[in-house]
Amino acid sequence: MLAGWNSGFSDSRGITPAILDTLGVQSFMHAESCFNYPGFPERHTPFEGLYTDLERLGQIFGVEERAAELVTDYRERVAAVQEQAPEGEPVPVFLYDSGTDAPFTAASQVPPNDIITLAGARNVFGDVDARWTEASWESVVDAAPEIIIILDYQDQPAEEKIAFLRENPATADLPARGAGGQLLRPRLQRGDLQPPQRRRPGEVRRLPARPRRRSLMAGLPDRRLARATWPLLVAAVVGLLPFTVYSTFLVPIAEAVHSDEATVGALRGLGGVAALLTGVAVGPLLGHWSRPRTVAAALGLLAVTCLVGSVGTLPAVVAFCFGTGVATAVLTPALLTAATSRFPDRADGGRAATVLTATQSLAAVLAGPVIGVLALWRGWTGVLWATAALAVVVALVVLLREPAATGAREASPGYRKAFGRLRGRPELLALVAVAGLRTASFMGYLSFLAASYHDRFGTDAGTFTLIWTLSGASFFTGNLLAGRGARGWVAAGRARRVLALGLGGALVAVLLVFSVGSLPLALAATVLMGLSHAVVAAMVTTVVARDAGDLTATAFSLTAAAMSAGVFLGGLVGGIGLGLAGDLGLSAALAIPTVVAVVLVPVAGRASRPDAGRSPR
């Protein structure tokens, strides 16, 4: 039996999946209906629930290609609507279903919420974690909707509902009733509906012509994603500054605290340890915290640590490194989760997350010159003060501009349940491992790149800054382009192939970059290394954003923790390889994490495939 809850399955009717199980009848409940089903919740936005149902039904009836074609067509139509959506602040909309003492309306888990949001408006009850819900007239008045949509169906004519809203004192002065406001009703009326015509056996009916098909990569353009998430993008850039300042001014900082450079440089690792421990500890909790407040709190902690570090003593530097590690371990997954959940369509959410990571990589390339200019005022301490001030300003902007709730796209499980659920998602664990292993190879490569170029080609520090910029620019370009393409690759089921190609390119690059005797070949390998790792990073981010569901915050937090561990592993493995067999040993040692990541690709690639079987009950 295939049905939704209340529309088909119902306790009052005595027709539930549990009852049908006792009769040997299998059930398929619409994914949209399962968001709070006791014992077996499954979270989707309503449109994603529709796509999921079509994919599953296609598998059940052996028509996967037709189902994929329908899903692609619907996504393209949605994308076309999004492109025509008005820019600027979304218009507040109230959907009126029925009710006189209290209005019955659409919350976050029903299709009208997605329709309103995708059209560029805002459902005034879109932050309520429910399907259809009863509100109060006071809350409608407080929301001040500029548009009221009347739901017209058989129980009560739309004209009666409109008349009630015009006469009701609570709604008489709403903006939707004044100049420029609108009362809308669906264009499709009951009289327009025709009963379905039966087909004769063997009859083939030609379908209406479809609009011109858009690319699988269709979705919101990057400029709109960036405009919607710009406070998060700025926050991501600010999160990079403290440790960038520390690395840039390592020598003067060591002199100020009366210690050697090796000791002060090693303290940078303390931040990685703090990030690793914090990421594991708070990962499952991030989904329960207000995202704007979490981002603002992490930025506030960064500001405090910058001020402490500017004191210029060894204990202050220790506190700076530890505090910065803790703050970034919270900030990065909170930003990714906020960017992902900012959009109803999971594909757009995944792209928004990769835009954020691309912005970080671009900031890493450009941060050096900016920090150099800031250092003209009171040196490295002045840069830390400026960073602290900027962090506070951005924290306030995030609190003021970011919505406190994003439509409750996913509700996170509890702390222990989250880890238990992750054990049942080997594909997510494999993605986390791929992220950590990739980082180990890449950060180990960066750690020894300058020394290798100097020893083989005699490059000085000034020349190497150009090579460093080339590496950073390659990673940024790869991240930007791969993030843009990942939306379509994942939708087409090519995630596994793209991950394998990216890791394959990274493997070739790391074997060449430390071993070739030709400078042009070494530079080409440097470019390939940046591009390949950027592709893998973008794919991991996109797949987690698209498929982790209510484990998104936990998965992003554990991914950040794995990457922190990768920073240490890369330096350790690379150092051992270099000590044992020189540059060839270094290449071989850094190739090992990449090879292990390649082995995990078949498991990690499962995350991008539609789930099989019937909906959980």
Foldseek 3Di string as FASTA:
>chain_A
DEEEEPRPAYVVVVRDQVSVVVVVDHYFYQLLRQCPPPPFRDFAFQLVSVLLVLCQVCVVVVNNVVSLVVNLQVQQVLLVLLVVADDDAAAEEWEFEDDDQWTKGAELSEVVQQVSVSNRHHHLRLQPPDGIDTDHLVSVLVSLGLEYEYEADDPDGSVVVVVSLCPPPSNVPRNLNDPNHHYHYDPDHPVNDDDDDDDDPPDDDDDDDGPDRDALLRHDDPVRLCVQQVLLLLLLLLLPPPVLLCVVCLPVLCVLQVHDSVVLVVLLLLLLVLLLVLLLVCQLVLLVAQLLLQLLVLLLLLLVLLLQSLVRHPVSSSSSSNSSSNSCLRNLLSSLLLQQLLHSANLNSLLSSLVSVLSNLVSSLVVVVVLVVQCVPVHSSSSSNVSSVSSNVSSVVSVVNRDRGRSCSFRGDDDVVLVVVVVVQLLLVLLLLLLLLLLLLVLLCVVCLVVLCCVQPVDDPVRVSVLVSLLSVLLSVLSNVLSSCLSSCLSVLNLLVQLLVLLVLLLVLLQFLNPDNDPVSNSVSSSSNSNSSSNSVSSSSSLLSNQVGSSSSSSSSSSSSSSSVSNVNNNVQLVVLCVPPNSNRNSVSSSVSSVVSNVSSVSNSVSSDNDYDHRDD
